[in-house]
């Protein structure tokens, strides 16, 4: 009798477990934060800044692949490294490809970076690098369009201050659309591949 009751009890437990398994639905994970992050990802956009050649508007560069880099000429290490890597990629492009490409070095230190200084600095790395800047408000708006970040940090030195800044390359296609962002330290051959792919389209 006890065995029969035990068997019945076991069957009931197994049936309940089976029913629970059939009816169980895993909780749906919410990706609100991810969706929000995607929705808030910088989309780029048009801007106009000044160079030693006059005003440079992104709209006027339609038909060219454009590379943006936010930095400043007093930068002790990050900018020289980034521009050196970029120049190594540019050196692999032929004359026809270079005609269809423009690099804009956007100074986030308009107080110290004059247009003449930007000219010399950009051309030191590569003739295709054009230094541009604007008022503090114009530079901040442009950086905001692309998600670039920077902030002034006071320093007890002859320079007076440094500008901490992000160091990505922003690659814009020939239609003026932000296509990708390459992080600091991207090897020149990888940058070259990205540029050549867009130049071929």
Foldseek 3Di string as FASTA:
>chain_A
DVVVVVVVVVVVVVVVVVVCVVPDDDDDDDPVVVVVCVVQAFWADWAWWAAPVGIDILVVLQQAKEKEWEEAPVDDPQVVQQLLQQLVLVVPDDPVLLVRYAYEYEYLCVVPCDNVNQCVSQVVSPNRYTYTYHPNVRSVVNCSNNVKDKDWDADPDPVGIHIDIFTWMFIAASRRTGDDIHHRPDGSVVVNVVSVVRSVD
